[in-house]
Amino acid sequence: MLVRIQIKTVEEMRNSLFMLGIALLVGLFGCNFDSIYEKSEDIPKEEWNKNEVIKFEIPVTDTIHGYRIFVNVRNSNEYPYSNLFLFLTTYSPQGKSVKDTLEMTLADDRGKWLGSGFGGIWSSETALRNNTVIRFPSSGIYRIEVVQAMRDDVLRGIKDIGIKVERAK
């Protein structure tokens, strides 16, 4: 009887390892290899001062293909609003700037968080410029600066802000 239990345990371990291998392969092939940049910056103590600028530096070498830019936010249940307004300024390597205002809808009218998540932390992603394909006119380092545009001097409940740039399909 003891031998039979050990054999069954070994078989279960093999099956578990096989399933883990399958999951890793699916995860690997499910990844988005079109992303050229993705980075998030933590908001200390989940308190984002209205004067605090979050900066991202994006190295661009391809000026032929089109790209889409996404803003990612992770908020906790402590975030008091259903939306989040952001001011974004993009600087080219030559110093030219473009300003955008972005509204991210984080919760529905009933207060249910729309992003994915669990344990009180929610992730949301919104495309910049209505998902418009952009082309970088020159190679170099592009800088995107993000500032919260809510009425609060200190905005609570935002864990981090991120930028993702991916090649348009």
C-alpha atoms as a PDB file:
ATOM      1  CA  MET A   1       0.000   0.000   0.000  1.00  0.00           C
ATOM      2  CA  LEU A   2       2.800   2.431   0.869  1.00  0.00           C
ATOM      3  CA  VAL A   3       4.535   1.727  -2.460  1.00  0.00           C
ATOM      4  CA  ARG A   4       1.326   2.368  -4.346  1.00  0.00           C
ATOM      5  CA  ILE A   5       0.912   5.782  -2.659  1.00  0.00           C
ATOM      6  CA  GLN A   6       4.511   6.731  -3.506  1.00  0.00           C
ATOM      7  CA  ILE A   7       4.049   5.720  -7.153  1.00  0.00           C
ATOM      8  CA  LYS A   8       0.867   7.735  -7.366  1.00  0.00           C
ATOM      9  CA  THR A   9       2.679  10.699  -5.813  1.00  0.00           C
ATOM     10  CA  VAL A  10       5.484  10.447  -8.383  1.00  0.00           C
ATOM     11  CA  GLU A  11       2.922  10.277 -11.195  1.00  0.00           C
ATOM     12  CA  GLU A  12       1.154  13.316  -9.784  1.00  0.00           C
ATOM     13  CA  MET A  13       4.479  15.157  -9.627  1.00  0.00           C
ATOM     14  CA  ARG A  14       5.216  14.278 -13.262  1.00  0.00           C
ATOM     15  CA  ASN A  15       1.769  15.472 -14.293  1.00  0.00           C
ATOM     16  CA  SER A  16       2.224  18.671 -12.293  1.00  0.00           C
ATOM     17  CA  LEU A  17       5.629  19.317 -13.885  1.00  0.00           C
ATOM     18  CA  PHE A  18       4.190  18.612 -17.327  1.00  0.00           C
ATOM     19  CA  MET A  19       1.321  21.044 -16.704  1.00  0.00           C
ATOM     20  CA  LEU A  20       3.780  23.641 -15.386  1.00  0.00           C
ATOM     21  CA  GLY A  21       5.855  23.245 -18.551  1.00  0.00           C
ATOM     22  CA  ILE A  22       2.759  23.711 -20.710  1.00  0.00           C
ATOM     23  CA  ALA A  23       1.780  26.821 -18.727  1.00  0.00           C
ATOM     24  CA  LEU A  24       5.258  28.307 -19.147  1.00  0.00           C
ATOM     25  CA  LEU A  25       5.212  27.686 -22.899  1.00  0.00           C
ATOM     26  CA  VAL A  26       1.770  29.242 -23.248  1.00  0.00           C
ATOM     27  CA  GLY A  27       2.935  32.215 -21.195  1.00  0.00           C
ATOM     28  CA  LEU A  28       6.080  32.596 -23.268  1.00  0.00           C
ATOM     29  CA  PHE A  29       4.287  32.459 -26.593  1.00  0.00           C
ATOM     30  CA  GLY A  30       1.448  34.591 -25.287  1.00  0.00           C
ATOM     31  CA  CYS A  31       3.820  37.466 -24.510  1.00  0.00           C
ATOM     32  CA  ASN A  32       3.664  40.575 -26.639  1.00  0.00           C
ATOM     33  CA  PHE A  33       6.974  40.739 -28.478  1.00  0.00           C
ATOM     34  CA  ASP A  34       5.835  43.920 -30.265  1.00  0.00           C
ATOM     35  CA  SER A  35       6.416  45.968 -27.118  1.00  0.00           C
ATOM     36  CA  ILE A  36       9.549  48.108 -27.429  1.00  0.00           C
ATOM     37  CA  TYR A  37       9.273  49.750 -24.024  1.00  0.00           C
ATOM     38  CA  GLU A  38       7.431  49.096 -20.794  1.00  0.00           C
ATOM     39  CA  LYS A  39       8.206  50.618 -17.430  1.00  0.00           C
ATOM     40  CA  SER A  40       6.346  51.576 -14.262  1.00  0.00           C
ATOM     41  CA  GLU A  41       7.257  54.016 -11.521  1.00  0.00           C
ATOM     42  CA  ASP A  42       6.087  53.494  -7.950  1.00  0.00           C
ATOM     43  CA  ILE A  43       4.207  56.248  -6.148  1.00  0.00           C
ATOM     44  CA  PRO A  44       5.698  56.308  -2.618  1.00  0.00           C
ATOM     45  CA  LYS A  45       3.103  55.619   0.106  1.00  0.00           C
ATOM     46  CA  GLU A  46       0.385  55.735  -2.612  1.00  0.00           C
ATOM     47  CA  GLU A  47       0.396  59.538  -2.251  1.00  0.00           C
ATOM     48  CA  TRP A  48       0.899  61.412  -5.521  1.00  0.00           C
ATOM     49  CA  ASN A  49       1.526  65.117  -5.007  1.00  0.00           C
ATOM     50  CA  LYS A  50       0.107  67.326  -7.777  1.00  0.00           C
ATOM     51  CA  ASN A  51       3.605  68.809  -8.339  1.00  0.00           C
ATOM     52  CA  GLU A  52       5.350  65.426  -8.636  1.00  0.00           C
ATOM     53  CA  VAL A  53       6.377  64.655 -12.222  1.00  0.00           C
ATOM     54  CA  ILE A  54       6.855  61.001 -13.233  1.00  0.00           C
ATOM     55  CA  LYS A  55       9.411  60.724 -16.067  1.00  0.00           C
ATOM     56  CA  PHE A  56       9.976  57.984 -18.624  1.00  0.00           C
ATOM     57  CA  GLU A  57      12.831  57.892 -21.143  1.00  0.00           C
ATOM     58  CA  ILE A  58      12.084  55.848 -24.249  1.00  0.00           C
ATOM     59  CA  PRO A  59      14.931  54.932 -26.613  1.00  0.00           C
ATOM     60  CA  VAL A  60      13.700  54.975 -30.223  1.00  0.00           C
ATOM     61  CA  THR A  61      15.704  53.603 -33.145  1.00  0.00           C
ATOM     62  CA  ASP A  62      12.923  52.695 -35.608  1.00  0.00           C
ATOM     63  CA  THR A  63      11.363  55.688 -37.374  1.00  0.00           C
ATOM     64  CA  ILE A  64       9.600  53.650 -40.075  1.00  0.00           C
ATOM     65  CA  HIS A  65       7.017  51.582 -38.188  1.00  0.00           C
ATOM     66  CA  GLY A  66       3.977  52.937 -36.380  1.00  0.00           C
ATOM     67  CA  TYR A  67       3.537  52.638 -32.619  1.00  0.00           C
ATOM     68  CA  ARG A  68       0.846  52.922 -29.992  1.00  0.00           C
ATOM     69  CA  ILE A  69       1.445  54.376 -26.539  1.00  0.00           C
ATOM     70  CA  PHE A  70      -0.418  53.106 -23.473  1.00  0.00           C
ATOM     71  CA  VAL A  71      -0.623  54.439 -19.945  1.00  0.00           C
ATOM     72  CA  ASN A  72      -0.902  51.855 -17.175  1.00  0.00           C
ATOM     73  CA  VAL A  73      -2.043  52.553 -13.653  1.00  0.00           C
ATOM     74  CA  ARG A  74      -2.324  50.366 -10.575  1.00  0.00           C
ATOM     75  CA  ASN A  75      -4.636  51.634  -7.878  1.00  0.00           C
ATOM     76  CA  SER A  76      -5.731  50.299  -4.531  1.00  0.00           C
ATOM     77  CA  ASN A  77      -9.235  50.191  -3.096  1.00  0.00           C
ATOM     78  CA  GLU A  78      -8.259  53.399  -1.274  1.00  0.00           C
ATOM     79  CA  TYR A  79      -8.499  55.396  -4.528  1.00  0.00           C
ATOM     80  CA  PRO A  80     -11.551  57.643  -3.984  1.00  0.00           C
ATOM     81  CA  TYR A  81     -12.657  58.294  -7.589  1.00  0.00           C
ATOM     82  CA  SER A  82     -13.925  56.394 -10.617  1.00  0.00           C
ATOM     83  CA  ASN A  83     -11.621  58.159 -13.064  1.00  0.00           C
ATOM     84  CA  LEU A  84      -8.121  59.593 -13.223  1.00  0.00           C
ATOM     85  CA  PHE A  85      -7.070  62.623 -15.253  1.00  0.00           C
ATOM     86  CA  LEU A  86      -3.433  62.900 -16.304  1.00  0.00           C
ATOM     87  CA  PHE A  87      -1.367  65.548 -18.081  1.00  0.00           C
ATOM     88  CA  LEU A  88       1.314  64.040 -20.314  1.00  0.00           C
ATOM     89  CA  THR A  89       4.082  65.953 -22.064  1.00  0.00           C
ATOM     90  CA  THR A  90       6.189  64.158 -24.680  1.00  0.00           C
ATOM     91  CA  TYR A  91       9.586  65.604 -25.572  1.00  0.00           C
ATOM     92  CA  SER A  92      11.431  64.664 -28.760  1.00  0.00           C
ATOM     93  CA  PRO A  93      15.240  64.259 -28.795  1.00  0.00           C
ATOM     94  CA  GLN A  94      15.343  67.782 -30.287  1.00  0.00           C
ATOM     95  CA  GLY A  95      13.380  69.201 -27.337  1.00  0.00           C
ATOM     96  CA  LYS A  96      10.040  69.768 -29.095  1.00  0.00           C
ATOM     97  CA  SER A  97       7.041  68.987 -26.892  1.00  0.00           C
ATOM     98  CA  VAL A  98       3.480  67.774 -27.318  1.00  0.00           C
ATOM     99  CA  LYS A  99       0.954  67.962 -24.470  1.00  0.00           C
ATOM    100  CA  ASP A 100      -1.918  65.543 -23.959  1.00  0.00           C
ATOM    101  CA  THR A 101      -4.689  65.212 -21.400  1.00  0.00           C
ATOM    102  CA  LEU A 102      -5.825  61.666 -20.694  1.00  0.00           C
ATOM    103  CA  GLU A 103      -8.850  60.475 -18.747  1.00  0.00           C
ATOM    104  CA  MET A 104      -8.651  56.918 -17.484  1.00  0.00           C
ATOM    105  CA  THR A 105     -11.905  55.315 -16.342  1.00  0.00           C
ATOM    106  CA  LEU A 106     -11.049  53.069 -13.403  1.00  0.00           C
ATOM    107  CA  ALA A 107     -14.519  52.180 -12.063  1.00  0.00           C
ATOM    108  CA  ASP A 108     -18.059  51.987 -13.382  1.00  0.00           C
ATOM    109  CA  ASP A 109     -21.037  54.066 -12.164  1.00  0.00           C
ATOM    110  CA  ARG A 110     -21.656  51.624  -9.290  1.00  0.00           C
ATOM    111  CA  GLY A 111     -18.040  51.833  -8.087  1.00  0.00           C
ATOM    112  CA  LYS A 112     -16.939  48.420  -9.423  1.00  0.00           C
ATOM    113  CA  TRP A 113     -13.294  48.532 -10.505  1.00  0.00           C
ATOM    114  CA  LEU A 114     -12.911  47.922 -14.238  1.00  0.00           C
ATOM    115  CA  GLY A 115      -9.282  46.833 -14.313  1.00  0.00           C
ATOM    116  CA  SER A 116      -7.893  43.404 -13.653  1.00  0.00           C
ATOM    117  CA  GLY A 117      -6.692  42.519 -10.206  1.00  0.00           C
ATOM    118  CA  PHE A 118      -7.237  40.913  -6.851  1.00  0.00           C
ATOM    119  CA  GLY A 119      -6.457  41.582  -3.220  1.00  0.00           C
ATOM    120  CA  GLY A 120      -7.492  45.213  -3.469  1.00  0.00           C
ATOM    121  CA  ILE A 121      -4.999  46.150  -6.236  1.00  0.00           C
ATOM    122  CA  TRP A 122      -6.340  46.936  -9.720  1.00  0.00           C
ATOM    123  CA  SER A 123      -4.488  47.403 -13.023  1.00  0.00           C
ATOM    124  CA  SER A 124      -5.882  49.461 -15.889  1.00  0.00           C
ATOM    125  CA  GLU A 125      -4.482  50.398 -19.280  1.00  0.00           C
ATOM    126  CA  THR A 126      -5.596  53.189 -21.613  1.00  0.00           C
ATOM    127  CA  ALA A 127      -4.271  54.051 -25.057  1.00  0.00           C
ATOM    128  CA  LEU A 128      -2.975  57.559 -25.574  1.00  0.00           C
ATOM    129  CA  ARG A 129      -4.579  59.664 -28.331  1.00  0.00           C
ATOM    130  CA  ASN A 130      -7.538  57.298 -28.848  1.00  0.00           C
ATOM    131  CA  ASN A 131      -5.252  54.425 -29.871  1.00  0.00           C
ATOM    132  CA  THR A 132      -3.849  56.444 -32.790  1.00  0.00           C
ATOM    133  CA  VAL A 133      -0.807  54.995 -34.533  1.00  0.00           C
ATOM    134  CA  ILE A 134       2.131  57.385 -34.244  1.00  0.00           C
ATOM    135  CA  ARG A 135       5.499  57.442 -35.950  1.00  0.00           C
ATOM    136  CA  PHE A 136       8.586  58.783 -34.268  1.00  0.00           C
ATOM    137  CA  PRO A 137      10.094  61.336 -36.678  1.00  0.00           C
ATOM    138  CA  SER A 138      13.674  60.813 -35.508  1.00  0.00           C
ATOM    139  CA  SER A 139      15.658  58.328 -33.479  1.00  0.00           C
ATOM    140  CA  GLY A 140      16.914  59.135 -30.015  1.00  0.00           C
ATOM    141  CA  ILE A 141      15.555  59.383 -26.488  1.00  0.00           C
ATOM    142  CA  TYR A 142      11.942  60.521 -26.163  1.00  0.00           C
ATOM    143  CA  ARG A 143      10.828  61.624 -22.719  1.00  0.00           C
ATOM    144  CA  ILE A 144       7.275  61.388 -21.421  1.00  0.00           C
ATOM    145  CA  GLU A 145       6.414  63.292 -18.253  1.00  0.00           C
ATOM    146  CA  VAL A 146       3.198  62.459 -16.383  1.00  0.00           C
ATOM    147  CA  VAL A 147       1.466  64.634 -13.785  1.00  0.00           C
ATOM    148  CA  GLN A 148      -1.794  63.866 -12.007  1.00  0.00           C
ATOM    149  CA  ALA A 149      -4.495  66.334 -13.009  1.00  0.00           C
ATOM    150  CA  MET A 150      -7.034  65.703 -10.260  1.00  0.00           C
ATOM    151  CA  ARG A 151      -8.136  68.468  -7.873  1.00  0.00           C
ATOM    152  CA  ASP A 152      -6.409  66.867  -4.886  1.00  0.00           C
ATOM    153  CA  ASP A 153      -3.092  68.326  -3.770  1.00  0.00           C
ATOM    154  CA  VAL A 154      -2.156  64.800  -2.713  1.00  0.00           C
ATOM    155  CA  LEU A 155      -3.913  62.020  -4.593  1.00  0.00           C
ATOM    156  CA  ARG A 156      -4.207  58.827  -2.540  1.00  0.00           C
ATOM    157  CA  GLY A 157      -4.558  55.239  -3.716  1.00  0.00           C
ATOM    158  CA  ILE A 158      -2.355  55.250  -6.838  1.00  0.00           C
ATOM    159  CA  LYS A 159       0.346  52.607  -6.479  1.00  0.00           C
ATOM    160  CA  ASP A 160       2.214  53.163  -9.738  1.00  0.00           C
ATOM    161  CA  ILE A 161       2.069  54.684 -13.208  1.00  0.00           C
ATOM    162  CA  GLY A 162       3.552  53.078 -16.303  1.00  0.00           C
ATOM    163  CA  ILE A 163       4.128  53.675 -19.986  1.00  0.00           C
ATOM    164  CA  LYS A 164       4.103  50.986 -22.661  1.00  0.00           C
ATOM    165  CA  VAL A 165       5.063  51.539 -26.294  1.00  0.00           C
ATOM    166  CA  GLU A 166       4.307  48.770 -28.760  1.00  0.00           C
ATOM    167  CA  ARG A 167       4.616  48.346 -32.493  1.00  0.00           C
ATOM    168  CA  ALA A 168       1.267  48.779 -34.252  1.00  0.00           C
ATOM    169  CA  LYS A 169      -0.068  45.695 -35.965  1.00  0.00           C
END
